[in-house]
Amino acid sequence: MDNQNTALVILAGGFSSRMQDFKPLLPVGGLSAVSLCLKLAKAAGIDRVLVVTGHRHEELEGHLAGKGETIYNPQFAEGMFTSIQAGLAALQKTGPFPEAVLLLPVDHPLVPAAAVEQLLEAHRAHPDSFIVPCFHGKKGHPLLIPRRFFREIAEYEGTKGLKGVTDAHPEELLRIDTPWEGVVLDMDSPEDYRELLEYYQKNRIPGKDVCLAALEEYGTPPHVMRHCTAVAETAVKMAAALNRAGYEFDLPRLRAACLLHDIARVEEDHGEAGARYAEKQGWYELAPLIRPHMYYSKE
């Protein structure tokens, strides 16, 4: 199965009562939470994305106009499970039924595409299992649901919602450990939101050690790594001098982009490949700097 046979369902129909604000439109790094969820889908190469709306649905649908498919769940007040059922039903009506669905509550906007790819890889090995990402043993999101359970979810009438279905199949719930804390960070309350924003601000731009570890893990040749380090040191010195003259270069962002600009140097169109890697890690601000750093003649 490839990503084209997977759909992402973003659950955005709740009252946001504990948050005391409308979670889908809360800002995170200059974008709304729901927009960040859409970025995740794009970075993961998932084309079928459905946002299930409910509370303040007209406002949310207006915000998403031209950005993604939506479906209104008139039963949203009865709980999230009704939105899950509505989303699965809508997918069946609007196109080929996917082989798997990823369920993502809108208040988990910092899940990186790399975590989704890890879930999809596990799905290829375990095509009949629910798969959930975990961070230090704590279950997170999104939950991957294989096609074999779609009908059971649609027909479930118990009081435990989706948990009632997964509890009926404990041997088919696969937990996958991930290194990305974003899978467990939510915005359920104002305190959670503050912690999520602090995490985002701290991790939106990777530090030098993280960048060097990424180069190593990616398999970037040593001589290219030395080149990236030299470019970063030179660029930061130049930018710092310009800042003293009144300019306002973002030095951490510049350093990180320079360190990672040739991470995919051995690949064709390595600027694009490097930008995609950054996006999959959730480093969206680096991609626009990495992507155009090389220009190729079409002649």
Protein backbone atom coordinates (compact mmCIF):
# COMPACT_ATOMS: atom_id res chain seq x y z
CA MET A 1 0.00 0.00 0.00
CA ASP A 2 1.26 3.48 -0.80
CA ASN A 3 0.15 6.82 0.57
CA GLN A 4 -2.34 7.29 -2.26
CA ASN A 5 -4.49 4.49 -0.78
CA THR A 6 -4.63 6.18 2.61
CA ALA A 7 -6.96 8.95 3.76
CA LEU A 8 -6.46 11.40 6.60
CA VAL A 9 -9.58 12.32 8.53
CA ILE A 10 -9.18 15.44 10.67
CA LEU A 11 -11.69 15.52 13.52
CA ALA A 12 -12.69 19.14 14.10
CA GLY A 13 -16.31 18.99 15.21
CA GLY A 14 -16.12 19.29 18.98
CA PHE A 15 -17.21 22.11 21.30
CA SER A 16 -13.65 22.85 22.53
CA SER A 17 -15.28 23.32 25.93
CA ARG A 18 -12.20 22.73 28.11
CA MET A 19 -10.06 24.89 25.84
CA GLN A 20 -12.61 27.73 26.11
CA ASP A 21 -11.73 28.72 22.56
CA PHE A 22 -12.24 27.27 19.08
CA LYS A 23 -9.37 24.81 18.72
CA PRO A 24 -9.33 24.39 14.92
CA LEU A 25 -8.57 28.09 14.44
CA LEU A 26 -6.14 28.61 17.30
CA PRO A 27 -2.84 29.97 15.95
CA VAL A 28 0.30 27.85 16.06
CA GLY A 29 3.36 29.38 14.45
CA GLY A 30 1.43 31.79 12.28
CA LEU A 31 -1.04 29.17 11.00
CA SER A 32 -4.28 27.79 12.36
CA ALA A 33 -4.19 24.36 13.98
CA VAL A 34 -6.29 22.89 11.17
CA SER A 35 -3.95 24.40 8.55
CA LEU A 36 -1.00 22.71 10.23
CA CYS A 37 -2.87 19.40 10.03
CA LEU A 38 -3.31 19.97 6.29
CA LYS A 39 0.43 20.68 5.99
CA LEU A 40 1.07 17.32 7.63
CA ALA A 41 -1.02 15.57 4.98
CA LYS A 42 0.82 17.30 2.14
CA ALA A 43 4.24 16.55 3.60
CA ALA A 44 3.26 12.89 4.02
CA GLY A 45 2.01 12.68 0.42
CA ILE A 46 -1.60 11.95 1.41
CA ASP A 47 -3.99 13.41 -1.14
CA ARG A 48 -7.32 12.36 0.37
CA VAL A 49 -7.96 14.61 3.34
CA LEU A 50 -11.33 15.12 4.95
CA VAL A 51 -12.09 17.59 7.73
CA VAL A 52 -15.16 16.64 9.78
CA THR A 53 -16.82 19.77 11.14
CA GLY A 54 -19.56 20.35 13.71
CA HIS A 55 -19.49 23.19 16.23
CA ARG A 56 -19.10 26.55 14.40
CA HIS A 57 -18.96 24.59 11.17
CA GLU A 58 -19.79 27.52 8.90
CA GLU A 59 -16.86 29.50 10.27
CA LEU A 60 -14.48 26.58 9.88
CA GLU A 61 -15.73 25.70 6.40
CA GLY A 62 -15.21 29.32 5.35
CA HIS A 63 -11.65 29.20 6.69
CA LEU A 64 -11.00 26.02 4.70
CA ALA A 65 -12.62 27.16 1.45
CA GLY A 66 -10.41 26.01 -1.39
CA LYS A 67 -7.98 24.29 0.98
CA GLY A 68 -9.58 20.95 1.72
CA GLU A 69 -12.70 18.80 1.64
CA THR A 70 -15.12 19.11 4.57
CA ILE A 71 -18.13 17.19 5.81
CA TYR A 72 -20.55 18.49 8.41
CA ASN A 73 -21.56 16.07 11.15
CA PRO A 74 -25.00 17.13 12.43
CA GLN A 75 -24.63 14.75 15.38
CA PHE A 76 -21.38 16.30 16.62
CA ALA A 77 -22.90 17.12 20.03
CA GLU A 78 -23.15 13.38 20.73
CA GLY A 79 -19.37 12.99 20.77
CA MET A 80 -16.29 12.41 18.65
CA PHE A 81 -17.28 8.89 17.64
CA THR A 82 -20.15 10.25 15.55
CA SER A 83 -17.61 12.35 13.64
CA ILE A 84 -15.47 9.26 13.04
CA GLN A 85 -18.51 7.43 11.66
CA ALA A 86 -19.47 10.45 9.55
CA GLY A 87 -15.97 10.70 8.14
CA LEU A 88 -15.81 7.03 7.14
CA ALA A 89 -19.24 7.25 5.55
CA ALA A 90 -18.25 10.34 3.56
CA LEU A 91 -15.08 8.68 2.26
CA GLN A 92 -17.15 5.80 0.93
CA LYS A 93 -19.43 8.18 -0.96
CA THR A 94 -16.84 10.52 -2.43
CA GLY A 95 -14.31 8.18 -4.01
CA PRO A 96 -12.57 4.80 -3.90
CA PHE A 97 -12.61 3.41 -0.39
CA PRO A 98 -9.10 3.72 1.10
CA GLU A 99 -7.15 0.76 2.40
CA ALA A 100 -6.50 2.61 5.65
CA VAL A 101 -7.61 5.77 7.41
CA LEU A 102 -5.57 7.94 9.74
CA LEU A 103 -7.66 9.66 12.42
CA LEU A 104 -6.21 12.94 13.64
CA PRO A 105 -7.95 15.16 16.21
CA VAL A 106 -7.43 18.78 15.20
CA ASP A 107 -5.92 19.57 18.60
CA HIS A 108 -2.82 17.49 17.71
CA PRO A 109 -1.31 19.81 15.06
CA LEU A 110 2.38 19.05 15.70
CA VAL A 111 2.46 15.46 14.45
CA PRO A 112 5.30 15.29 11.89
CA ALA A 113 4.89 13.55 8.55
CA ALA A 114 7.83 11.31 9.47
CA ALA A 115 5.66 9.76 12.20
CA VAL A 116 2.89 9.11 9.69
CA GLU A 117 5.36 7.41 7.37
CA GLN A 118 6.44 5.20 10.26
CA LEU A 119 2.81 4.17 10.80
CA LEU A 120 2.35 3.41 7.10
CA GLU A 121 5.50 1.30 7.06
CA ALA A 122 4.17 -0.67 10.03
CA HIS A 123 0.84 -1.05 8.23
CA ARG A 124 2.56 -2.66 5.27
CA ALA A 125 3.92 -5.29 7.64
CA HIS A 126 0.68 -5.59 9.69
CA PRO A 127 -2.16 -4.74 7.27
CA ASP A 128 -4.96 -5.95 9.56
CA SER A 129 -3.97 -4.13 12.75
CA PHE A 130 -4.89 -0.85 14.36
CA ILE A 131 -1.63 1.08 14.73
CA VAL A 132 -1.00 3.87 17.22
CA PRO A 133 2.18 5.92 17.71
CA CYS A 134 3.64 6.18 21.21
CA PHE A 135 6.14 8.49 22.83
CA HIS A 136 7.87 7.11 25.93
CA GLY A 137 5.05 4.61 26.26
CA LYS A 138 2.21 7.13 26.02
CA LYS A 139 -0.27 6.57 23.20
CA GLY A 140 -0.70 9.44 20.77
CA HIS A 141 -2.17 10.29 17.37
CA PRO A 142 -3.00 9.68 14.61
CA LEU A 143 -4.55 6.25 14.93
CA LEU A 144 -4.33 4.12 11.79
CA ILE A 145 -7.44 2.08 11.09
CA PRO A 146 -7.22 -0.70 8.48
CA ARG A 147 -10.10 -1.20 6.09
CA ARG A 148 -11.21 -4.46 7.68
CA PHE A 149 -12.64 -2.54 10.67
CA PHE A 150 -14.55 0.16 8.77
CA ARG A 151 -17.87 -1.69 8.81
CA GLU A 152 -17.57 -2.66 12.47
CA ILE A 153 -16.98 0.99 13.38
CA ALA A 154 -19.90 2.12 11.23
CA GLU A 155 -22.25 -0.37 12.88
CA TYR A 156 -21.06 -0.04 16.48
CA GLU A 157 -23.84 1.12 18.82
CA GLY A 158 -22.22 0.69 22.22
CA THR A 159 -21.36 3.39 24.72
CA LYS A 160 -17.54 3.26 24.50
CA GLY A 161 -17.15 4.71 21.02
CA LEU A 162 -14.03 3.79 19.10
CA LYS A 163 -12.50 2.36 22.27
CA GLY A 164 -15.30 -0.19 22.28
CA VAL A 165 -14.10 -1.43 18.90
CA THR A 166 -10.38 -1.43 19.68
CA ASP A 167 -11.00 -3.08 23.06
CA ALA A 168 -12.72 -5.93 21.24
CA HIS A 169 -9.49 -6.60 19.33
CA PRO A 170 -6.64 -6.12 21.85
CA GLU A 171 -4.34 -8.47 19.95
CA GLU A 172 -4.74 -6.32 16.84
CA LEU A 173 -3.74 -2.99 18.36
CA LEU A 174 -0.10 -2.39 17.51
CA ARG A 175 1.84 0.26 19.44
CA ILE A 176 4.77 1.85 17.62
CA ASP A 177 7.40 3.78 19.55
CA THR A 178 8.39 7.04 17.88
CA PRO A 179 11.00 9.70 18.75
CA TRP A 180 8.55 12.55 18.03
CA GLU A 181 6.90 14.09 21.06
CA GLY A 182 4.45 15.89 18.77
CA VAL A 183 2.32 12.73 18.56
CA VAL A 184 1.22 13.16 22.20
CA LEU A 185 0.93 16.96 22.43
CA ASP A 186 -2.61 18.30 22.37
CA MET A 187 -4.57 21.47 23.08
CA ASP A 188 -7.26 20.11 25.35
CA SER A 189 -6.94 22.97 27.84
CA PRO A 190 -5.37 26.46 27.97
CA GLU A 191 -2.43 24.99 29.90
CA ASP A 192 -1.95 22.30 27.24
CA TYR A 193 -2.04 25.00 24.57
CA ARG A 194 0.65 27.03 26.29
CA GLU A 195 2.86 23.95 26.61
CA LEU A 196 2.29 23.07 22.96
CA LEU A 197 3.27 26.59 21.86
CA GLU A 198 6.40 26.45 24.01
CA TYR A 199 7.34 23.13 22.43
CA TYR A 200 6.71 24.49 18.95
CA GLN A 201 8.81 27.59 19.55
CA LYS A 202 11.66 25.50 20.93
CA ASN A 203 11.60 22.90 18.14
CA ARG A 204 10.43 24.78 15.02
CA ILE A 205 14.10 25.40 14.08
CA PRO A 206 16.52 22.54 14.80
CA GLY A 207 19.75 23.42 16.58
CA LYS A 208 23.21 22.61 15.26
CA ASP A 209 23.47 19.26 17.05
CA VAL A 210 20.07 18.15 15.73
CA CYS A 211 21.03 19.17 12.19
CA LEU A 212 24.35 17.30 12.36
CA ALA A 213 22.56 14.21 13.68
CA ALA A 214 20.07 14.47 10.81
CA LEU A 215 22.88 14.63 8.26
CA GLU A 216 24.48 11.56 9.84
CA GLU A 217 21.22 9.60 9.94
CA TYR A 218 20.35 10.53 6.35
CA GLY A 219 23.67 9.17 5.16
CA THR A 220 25.07 12.44 3.84
CA PRO A 221 28.73 11.86 2.81
CA PRO A 222 31.30 13.25 5.27
CA HIS A 223 32.79 15.69 2.77
CA VAL A 224 29.32 17.11 2.11
CA MET A 225 28.75 17.44 5.86
CA ARG A 226 31.97 19.42 6.14
CA HIS A 227 30.80 21.62 3.26
CA CYS A 228 27.43 22.24 4.97
CA THR A 229 29.16 23.20 8.21
CA ALA A 230 31.47 25.63 6.43
CA VAL A 231 28.61 27.22 4.52
CA ALA A 232 26.62 27.66 7.74
CA GLU A 233 29.51 29.29 9.60
CA THR A 234 30.21 31.70 6.73
CA ALA A 235 26.56 32.58 6.17
CA VAL A 236 25.91 33.26 9.86
CA LYS A 237 28.99 35.51 10.12
CA MET A 238 27.86 37.51 7.08
CA ALA A 239 24.28 37.77 8.32
CA ALA A 240 25.40 38.82 11.80
CA ALA A 241 27.46 41.63 10.28
CA LEU A 242 24.48 42.74 8.19
CA ASN A 243 22.26 42.65 11.28
CA ARG A 244 24.65 45.05 12.99
CA ALA A 245 24.07 47.35 10.03
CA GLY A 246 20.31 47.29 10.55
CA TYR A 247 19.14 44.13 8.82
CA GLU A 248 17.08 41.48 10.61
CA PHE A 249 18.20 38.04 9.49
CA ASP A 250 16.92 35.11 11.56
CA LEU A 251 20.29 33.59 12.44
CA PRO A 252 19.07 30.25 13.91
CA ARG A 253 16.87 29.67 10.86
CA LEU A 254 19.69 30.60 8.50
CA ARG A 255 22.17 28.33 10.29
CA ALA A 256 19.81 25.35 10.21
CA ALA A 257 18.93 25.83 6.52
CA CYS A 258 22.62 26.07 5.60
CA LEU A 259 23.50 22.97 7.61
CA LEU A 260 20.75 20.99 5.89
CA HIS A 261 20.81 22.49 2.40
CA ASP A 262 22.83 19.61 0.93
CA ILE A 263 21.50 16.82 3.13
CA ALA A 264 20.28 15.01 -0.01
CA ARG A 265 23.26 16.00 -2.17
CA VAL A 266 23.64 12.55 -3.72
CA GLU A 267 20.04 12.61 -5.04
CA GLU A 268 18.74 14.16 -8.23
CA ASP A 269 17.22 17.61 -7.61
CA HIS A 270 18.62 17.49 -4.11
CA GLY A 271 17.19 20.88 -3.18
CA GLU A 272 13.67 19.52 -3.55
CA ALA A 273 14.59 16.28 -1.78
CA GLY A 274 16.12 18.21 1.11
CA ALA A 275 13.09 20.47 1.41
CA ARG A 276 10.78 17.47 1.55
CA TYR A 277 12.90 15.96 4.30
CA ALA A 278 12.63 19.18 6.33
CA GLU A 279 8.86 19.25 5.88
CA LYS A 280 8.53 15.65 7.00
CA GLN A 281 10.32 16.54 10.23
CA GLY A 282 7.93 19.45 10.78
CA TRP A 283 10.60 22.06 10.01
CA TYR A 284 8.33 23.91 7.60
CA GLU A 285 10.21 27.20 7.87
CA LEU A 286 13.39 25.65 6.48
CA ALA A 287 11.92 24.18 3.31
CA PRO A 288 11.55 27.51 1.42
CA LEU A 289 15.26 28.17 1.99
CA ILE A 290 16.48 24.68 1.08
CA ARG A 291 14.26 24.10 -1.97
CA PRO A 292 15.58 26.87 -4.31
CA HIS A 293 19.27 26.85 -3.37
CA MET A 294 20.22 25.12 -6.65
CA TYR A 295 18.93 25.99 -10.10
CA TYR A 296 18.96 23.50 -12.94
CA SER A 297 19.09 24.40 -16.64
CA LYS A 298 16.42 22.77 -18.80
CA GLU A 299 18.65 23.05 -21.90
